Amino acid sequence: MSISVTPKAALQIRKALDKRGGGVGLRVAIKTSGCSGYAYALEFADAVLPEDLSFDTEGVKVLVDAVSLPMIDGTQLDWVREGLNEGFQFNNPNASATCGCGESFTV
């Protein structure tokens, strides 16, 4: 089981960690939310917690708890720019459907 990031996403994670003055990496989790059932939760981590599984990819550390990992196993986190908007995009092979706004998904 794993999660990966593209070079563009890794660059944005490093920039954000530098801007905030440090941290060990990006924590990715799943929460119950949205019209499709689940939503991604991102936060910068200052420490690796006992429940975290750690993945080193493209020079950055991605932390995922064991409960969330089965729903995002194999996911690639990318950084995309669409028009004036830019942000992280999850390419999750486990998502069977997403809501119209793209904020939540179903497994």
Protein backbone atom coordinates (compact mmCIF):
# COMPACT_ATOMS: atom_id res chain seq x y z
CA MET A 1 0.00 0.00 0.00
CA SER A 2 1.26 3.47 -0.80
CA ILE A 3 0.54 7.02 -1.87
CA SER A 4 2.75 9.10 -4.15
CA VAL A 5 3.18 12.68 -5.32
CA THR A 6 4.19 14.11 -8.67
CA PRO A 7 7.27 16.33 -8.95
CA LYS A 8 4.98 19.39 -9.23
CA ALA A 9 3.12 18.44 -6.04
CA ALA A 10 6.40 17.75 -4.21
CA LEU A 11 7.67 21.21 -5.17
CA GLN A 12 4.52 22.84 -3.77
CA ILE A 13 4.76 20.81 -0.54
CA ARG A 14 8.42 21.85 -0.07
CA LYS A 15 7.54 25.51 -0.77
CA ALA A 16 4.71 25.43 1.78
CA LEU A 17 6.87 23.75 4.43
CA ASP A 18 9.62 26.35 3.87
CA LYS A 19 7.10 29.20 4.04
CA ARG A 20 5.67 27.95 7.35
CA GLY A 21 9.16 27.50 8.79
CA GLY A 22 9.44 23.71 8.69
CA GLY A 23 7.65 20.47 9.33
CA VAL A 24 8.21 16.82 8.54
CA GLY A 25 5.76 16.50 5.67
CA LEU A 26 2.17 16.45 4.51
CA ARG A 27 -0.50 14.45 6.35
CA VAL A 28 -3.30 13.08 4.15
CA ALA A 29 -6.45 11.68 5.72
CA ILE A 30 -10.02 10.85 4.83
CA LYS A 31 -13.00 12.31 6.66
CA THR A 32 -16.70 11.60 6.32
CA SER A 33 -18.05 14.62 4.49
CA GLY A 34 -19.64 15.93 1.34
CA CYS A 35 -22.40 14.67 -0.86
CA SER A 36 -20.46 11.58 -1.98
CA GLY A 37 -19.44 10.37 1.47
CA TYR A 38 -15.71 11.04 1.90
CA ALA A 39 -13.41 14.03 1.55
CA TYR A 40 -9.65 14.45 1.62
CA ALA A 41 -8.08 16.29 4.54
CA LEU A 42 -4.61 17.79 4.20
CA GLU A 43 -2.43 19.32 6.89
CA PHE A 44 1.24 19.96 7.34
CA ALA A 45 2.74 17.76 10.03
CA ASP A 46 5.31 18.86 12.58
CA ALA A 47 5.85 15.30 13.84
CA VAL A 48 5.20 11.73 12.80
CA LEU A 49 2.44 10.31 15.02
CA PRO A 50 2.38 6.68 16.18
CA GLU A 51 -0.62 5.93 13.93
CA ASP A 52 1.04 7.43 10.84
CA LEU A 53 2.34 5.35 7.97
CA SER A 54 5.12 7.24 6.22
CA PHE A 55 5.82 7.32 2.48
CA ASP A 56 8.87 9.10 1.07
CA THR A 57 8.16 10.15 -2.49
CA GLU A 58 9.83 12.74 -4.73
CA GLY A 59 11.87 13.96 -1.74
CA VAL A 60 8.91 14.69 0.54
CA LYS A 61 7.27 12.70 3.32
CA VAL A 62 3.56 11.88 3.06
CA LEU A 63 1.88 10.64 6.24
CA VAL A 64 -1.35 8.61 6.20
CA ASP A 65 -3.19 6.93 9.08
CA ALA A 66 -3.94 3.21 8.78
CA VAL A 67 -7.73 3.79 8.65
CA SER A 68 -7.51 6.18 5.68
CA LEU A 69 -4.91 4.27 3.68
CA PRO A 70 -7.18 1.54 2.21
CA MET A 71 -9.40 4.25 0.67
CA ILE A 72 -6.48 6.11 -0.90
CA ASP A 73 -4.04 3.26 -1.60
CA GLY A 74 -2.38 3.87 -4.95
CA THR A 75 -3.42 7.53 -5.05
CA GLN A 76 -1.16 10.03 -6.74
CA LEU A 77 -1.29 13.60 -5.48
CA ASP A 78 -0.68 16.12 -8.25
CA TRP A 79 -0.53 19.91 -8.45
CA VAL A 80 -2.67 21.30 -11.25
CA ARG A 81 -3.40 24.73 -12.62
CA GLU A 82 -6.72 25.27 -14.39
CA GLY A 83 -7.26 28.80 -15.57
CA LEU A 84 -6.81 31.09 -12.56
CA ASN A 85 -7.18 28.22 -10.07
CA GLU A 86 -4.44 25.94 -8.83
CA GLY A 87 -4.25 23.28 -6.18
CA PHE A 88 -3.79 19.64 -5.29
CA GLN A 89 -5.61 17.02 -7.32
CA PHE A 90 -6.08 13.45 -6.11
CA ASN A 91 -5.83 10.71 -8.72
CA ASN A 92 -7.44 7.99 -6.62
CA PRO A 93 -7.92 4.61 -8.32
CA ASN A 94 -10.29 3.53 -5.50
CA ALA A 95 -12.84 6.32 -6.05
CA SER A 96 -15.86 4.89 -7.81
CA ALA A 97 -17.60 8.29 -8.07
CA THR A 98 -17.03 11.94 -7.23
CA CYS A 99 -19.48 14.72 -6.54
CA GLY A 100 -20.12 17.45 -9.07
CA CYS A 101 -17.94 19.98 -7.27
CA GLY A 102 -15.05 17.50 -6.95
CA GLU A 103 -14.74 17.91 -3.19
CA SER A 104 -15.91 14.46 -2.14
CA PHE A 105 -15.81 10.88 -3.42
CA THR A 106 -17.26 7.40 -2.97
CA VAL A 107 -15.26 4.21 -2.60
